[in-house]
Amino acid sequence: LRMLRAVRFVTKYNFDFADDIIPALKTNADELQNISKERIQDELNKILMTEKPSRAFNIMLKTGLLKQFIPELVDLYGLKQGKYHYADAWGHTMDALDNSKRDPIVRLSALLHDVGKPKTLSFGEDGEPHFYGHEHESGEIAEVVLKRLKYSNDVIDKVKKVVESHMRIRNSSTWSKGTLRRFIRDMGPELPEVLDLIEADRKSHHPKHNDLDSL
């Protein structure tokens, strides 16, 4: 568990590791399998509440720590996206995470909002990658991940709903008042968290394509 704490401390306090720490983390990463999921969850929650959690996740990706408890996220690294993005799926997720509100539900949702993209990858005739329905696949995977990490059913249900709803506002400029009312009703008490994730996601797209109606 001290490995995760070390990652949290360098992230929270903007420290640098001594030269021998990264090799040590790589060598011992699989020892994390001996730690209870509840204790890993506690460290994860604290990492997510730091100012720039992407630094911690990049370290955990590099050292092999991340694949010990959320291997699904590792598959985002190097996954090319289309013209709406300037980064791969991992880079986009990290940007969305940093841009998201410091709220546990929003941060967890930002972390997992595109985790279903590898399973929904397809290509158009022009070779452009597409991820149709990735929000629903991401919601299903988010549920699996959070159950593995022993989150409460309340947190799991909220995060799944927020993740599955983050594409709902596309083309919203053409919505009728009835459509808007239906969206608000469907979101219920999770409306603020859904809107927060949508905004973080929008900010993390290519500047030329970050209008909600173009996503």
Protein backbone atom coordinates (compact mmCIF):
# COMPACT_ATOMS: atom_id res chain seq x y z
CA LEU A 1 0.00 0.00 0.00
CA ARG A 2 2.95 2.33 0.56
CA MET A 3 3.50 2.30 -3.20
CA LEU A 4 0.11 3.94 -3.75
CA ARG A 5 0.75 6.34 -0.89
CA ALA A 6 4.06 7.34 -2.45
CA VAL A 7 2.27 8.09 -5.72
CA ARG A 8 -0.34 10.11 -3.85
CA PHE A 9 2.24 12.14 -1.94
CA VAL A 10 4.29 13.12 -5.01
CA THR A 11 1.05 14.15 -6.71
CA LYS A 12 -0.46 16.06 -3.81
CA TYR A 13 2.74 17.89 -2.83
CA ASN A 14 4.28 18.11 -6.32
CA PHE A 15 7.39 16.19 -5.22
CA ASP A 16 9.78 14.29 -7.45
CA PHE A 17 10.77 10.69 -6.79
CA ALA A 18 14.32 9.74 -5.93
CA ASP A 19 15.99 7.91 -8.83
CA ASP A 20 15.48 4.44 -7.36
CA ILE A 21 11.74 4.72 -6.63
CA ILE A 22 10.28 4.19 -10.11
CA PRO A 23 12.34 1.00 -10.69
CA ALA A 24 11.27 -0.22 -7.25
CA LEU A 25 7.61 0.40 -8.04
CA LYS A 26 7.93 -1.50 -11.30
CA THR A 27 9.63 -4.42 -9.57
CA ASN A 28 7.08 -4.68 -6.77
CA ALA A 29 3.86 -3.60 -8.50
CA ASP A 30 2.28 -7.04 -8.39
CA GLU A 31 2.59 -7.05 -4.59
CA LEU A 32 -0.48 -4.81 -4.66
CA GLN A 33 -2.49 -7.99 -5.22
CA ASN A 34 -1.88 -8.79 -1.54
CA ILE A 35 -3.68 -5.63 -0.38
CA SER A 36 -7.40 -5.56 0.35
CA LYS A 37 -9.57 -3.82 -2.23
CA GLU A 38 -11.04 -1.60 0.49
CA ARG A 39 -7.61 -0.14 1.29
CA ILE A 40 -6.84 0.35 -2.40
CA GLN A 41 -10.17 2.13 -2.78
CA ASP A 42 -9.28 4.47 0.07
CA GLU A 43 -6.00 5.46 -1.57
CA LEU A 44 -7.70 5.82 -4.96
CA ASN A 45 -10.29 8.18 -3.49
CA LYS A 46 -7.55 10.36 -2.01
CA ILE A 47 -5.63 10.41 -5.29
CA LEU A 48 -8.75 11.45 -7.17
CA MET A 49 -9.19 14.46 -4.89
CA THR A 50 -5.73 15.89 -5.62
CA GLU A 51 -5.44 19.00 -7.77
CA LYS A 52 -3.99 17.13 -10.77
CA PRO A 53 -4.75 13.42 -10.44
CA SER A 54 -3.52 12.71 -13.96
CA ARG A 55 0.05 12.83 -12.65
CA ALA A 56 -0.68 9.95 -10.29
CA PHE A 57 -2.38 7.90 -12.98
CA ASN A 58 0.47 8.43 -15.44
CA ILE A 59 2.90 7.19 -12.78
CA MET A 60 0.68 4.20 -12.01
CA LEU A 61 0.39 3.40 -15.72
CA LYS A 62 4.18 3.63 -16.21
CA THR A 63 5.02 1.46 -13.21
CA GLY A 64 2.39 -1.24 -13.70
CA LEU A 65 0.49 -0.33 -10.53
CA LEU A 66 -2.68 0.62 -12.39
CA LYS A 67 -3.10 -2.73 -14.11
CA GLN A 68 -3.18 -4.38 -10.70
CA PHE A 69 -6.57 -2.88 -9.85
CA ILE A 70 -8.04 -1.17 -12.97
CA PRO A 71 -6.49 -3.00 -15.93
CA GLU A 72 -9.37 -1.84 -18.14
CA LEU A 73 -7.93 1.69 -18.15
CA VAL A 74 -4.57 0.52 -19.47
CA ASP A 75 -6.19 -0.36 -22.80
CA LEU A 76 -6.90 3.34 -23.42
CA TYR A 77 -3.20 4.08 -23.79
CA GLY A 78 -2.30 4.49 -27.45
CA LEU A 79 -5.91 4.13 -28.61
CA LYS A 80 -6.18 6.58 -31.49
CA GLN A 81 -9.25 8.79 -31.64
CA GLY A 82 -10.85 10.83 -34.40
CA LYS A 83 -10.66 14.46 -35.49
CA TYR A 84 -12.51 15.69 -32.40
CA HIS A 85 -9.51 14.84 -30.22
CA TYR A 86 -5.88 15.93 -30.00
CA ALA A 87 -4.79 13.02 -27.77
CA ASP A 88 -5.26 9.29 -27.58
CA ALA A 89 -8.05 7.89 -25.41
CA TRP A 90 -5.74 7.81 -22.38
CA GLY A 91 -4.62 11.42 -22.79
CA HIS A 92 -8.21 12.56 -23.29
CA THR A 93 -9.32 10.72 -20.16
CA MET A 94 -6.53 12.29 -18.13
CA ASP A 95 -7.46 15.76 -19.39
CA ALA A 96 -11.13 15.18 -18.54
CA LEU A 97 -10.12 13.97 -15.09
CA ASP A 98 -8.04 17.09 -14.41
CA ASN A 99 -10.79 19.33 -15.80
CA SER A 100 -13.50 17.74 -13.68
CA LYS A 101 -14.93 19.09 -10.45
CA ARG A 102 -13.33 17.83 -7.24
CA ASP A 103 -16.28 15.68 -6.33
CA PRO A 104 -15.98 11.91 -5.74
CA ILE A 105 -18.77 10.93 -8.14
CA VAL A 106 -17.66 13.33 -10.87
CA ARG A 107 -13.99 12.33 -10.58
CA LEU A 108 -14.79 8.59 -10.70
CA SER A 109 -17.10 9.20 -13.65
CA ALA A 110 -14.45 11.22 -15.50
CA LEU A 111 -11.91 8.47 -14.90
CA LEU A 112 -14.19 5.78 -16.34
CA HIS A 113 -16.31 7.70 -18.86
CA ASP A 114 -14.49 6.33 -21.93
CA VAL A 115 -13.26 3.00 -20.57
CA GLY A 116 -15.57 1.20 -23.00
CA LYS A 117 -13.96 2.65 -26.11
CA PRO A 118 -11.59 -0.25 -26.82
CA LYS A 119 -14.55 -2.65 -27.00
CA THR A 120 -16.61 -0.39 -29.28
CA LEU A 121 -13.90 0.61 -31.76
CA SER A 122 -14.93 0.53 -35.42
CA PHE A 123 -13.75 2.33 -38.55
CA GLY A 124 -15.64 4.26 -41.21
CA GLU A 125 -14.99 3.97 -44.93
CA ASP A 126 -12.56 6.87 -44.62
CA GLY A 127 -10.61 5.06 -41.92
CA GLU A 128 -11.86 7.37 -39.19
CA PRO A 129 -12.25 5.56 -35.84
CA HIS A 130 -15.68 5.49 -34.20
CA PHE A 131 -16.88 4.37 -30.79
CA TYR A 132 -20.63 4.01 -31.17
CA GLY A 133 -22.38 3.23 -27.91
CA HIS A 134 -19.19 3.54 -25.88
CA GLU A 135 -21.01 5.39 -23.11
CA HIS A 136 -23.18 2.34 -22.36
CA GLU A 137 -20.24 -0.06 -22.57
CA SER A 138 -18.30 2.30 -20.29
CA GLY A 139 -21.15 2.27 -17.80
CA GLU A 140 -21.13 -1.53 -17.69
CA ILE A 141 -17.37 -1.67 -17.22
CA ALA A 142 -17.50 1.06 -14.58
CA GLU A 143 -19.93 -1.08 -12.60
CA VAL A 144 -17.56 -4.06 -12.79
CA VAL A 145 -14.55 -1.95 -11.74
CA LEU A 146 -16.29 -0.30 -8.82
CA LYS A 147 -17.71 -3.57 -7.53
CA ARG A 148 -14.21 -5.05 -7.66
CA LEU A 149 -12.96 -2.12 -5.55
CA LYS A 150 -15.79 -2.60 -3.03
CA TYR A 151 -17.57 0.70 -3.57
CA SER A 152 -21.06 1.04 -2.14
CA ASN A 153 -24.07 0.28 -4.32
CA ASP A 154 -25.07 3.94 -4.09
CA VAL A 155 -21.75 5.13 -5.53
CA ILE A 156 -21.81 2.43 -8.23
CA ASP A 157 -25.33 3.32 -9.34
CA LYS A 158 -24.55 7.04 -9.48
CA VAL A 159 -21.30 6.67 -11.39
CA LYS A 160 -22.84 4.25 -13.87
CA LYS A 161 -25.72 6.65 -14.54
CA VAL A 162 -23.42 9.63 -14.97
CA VAL A 163 -21.07 7.74 -17.30
CA GLU A 164 -23.91 6.38 -19.43
CA SER A 165 -25.42 9.88 -19.75
CA HIS A 166 -22.36 11.89 -20.74
CA MET A 167 -23.29 11.87 -24.45
CA ARG A 168 -26.92 12.89 -23.92
CA ILE A 169 -26.49 16.62 -24.72
CA ARG A 170 -25.20 16.23 -28.27
CA ASN A 171 -27.19 18.44 -30.68
CA SER A 172 -28.95 20.04 -27.72
CA SER A 173 -29.36 23.33 -29.62
CA THR A 174 -32.20 21.68 -31.54
CA TRP A 175 -33.97 20.31 -28.47
CA SER A 176 -37.59 21.15 -27.81
CA LYS A 177 -38.71 22.20 -24.35
CA GLY A 178 -40.21 18.74 -23.94
CA THR A 179 -36.89 17.07 -24.73
CA LEU A 180 -35.14 19.29 -22.20
CA ARG A 181 -37.71 18.49 -19.52
CA ARG A 182 -37.34 14.78 -20.24
CA PHE A 183 -33.55 15.00 -19.92
CA ILE A 184 -33.82 16.80 -16.57
CA ARG A 185 -36.37 14.24 -15.35
CA ASP A 186 -34.24 11.29 -16.48
CA MET A 187 -31.12 12.64 -14.75
CA GLY A 188 -32.93 13.28 -11.47
CA PRO A 189 -30.63 14.07 -8.53
CA GLU A 190 -27.55 13.20 -10.65
CA LEU A 191 -28.18 16.13 -13.04
CA PRO A 192 -25.38 18.34 -11.57
CA GLU A 193 -22.84 15.51 -11.78
CA VAL A 194 -23.84 14.67 -15.37
CA LEU A 195 -23.48 18.31 -16.41
CA ASP A 196 -20.12 18.57 -14.64
CA LEU A 197 -18.81 15.52 -16.52
CA ILE A 198 -20.14 16.77 -19.85
CA GLU A 199 -18.33 20.07 -19.35
CA ALA A 200 -15.06 18.37 -18.35
CA ASP A 201 -15.35 16.11 -21.39
CA ARG A 202 -16.04 19.08 -23.67
CA LYS A 203 -12.97 20.96 -22.45
CA SER A 204 -10.83 17.93 -23.23
CA HIS A 205 -11.65 17.77 -26.93
CA HIS A 206 -9.73 19.47 -29.73
CA PRO A 207 -10.26 23.26 -29.53
CA LYS A 208 -11.71 23.25 -33.05
CA HIS A 209 -14.29 20.64 -32.09
CA ASN A 210 -15.27 21.29 -28.50
CA ASP A 211 -18.69 22.77 -29.17
CA LEU A 212 -21.33 20.49 -27.67
CA ASP A 213 -23.24 20.27 -30.94
CA SER A 214 -20.18 18.98 -32.81
CA LEU A 215 -19.27 16.17 -30.41
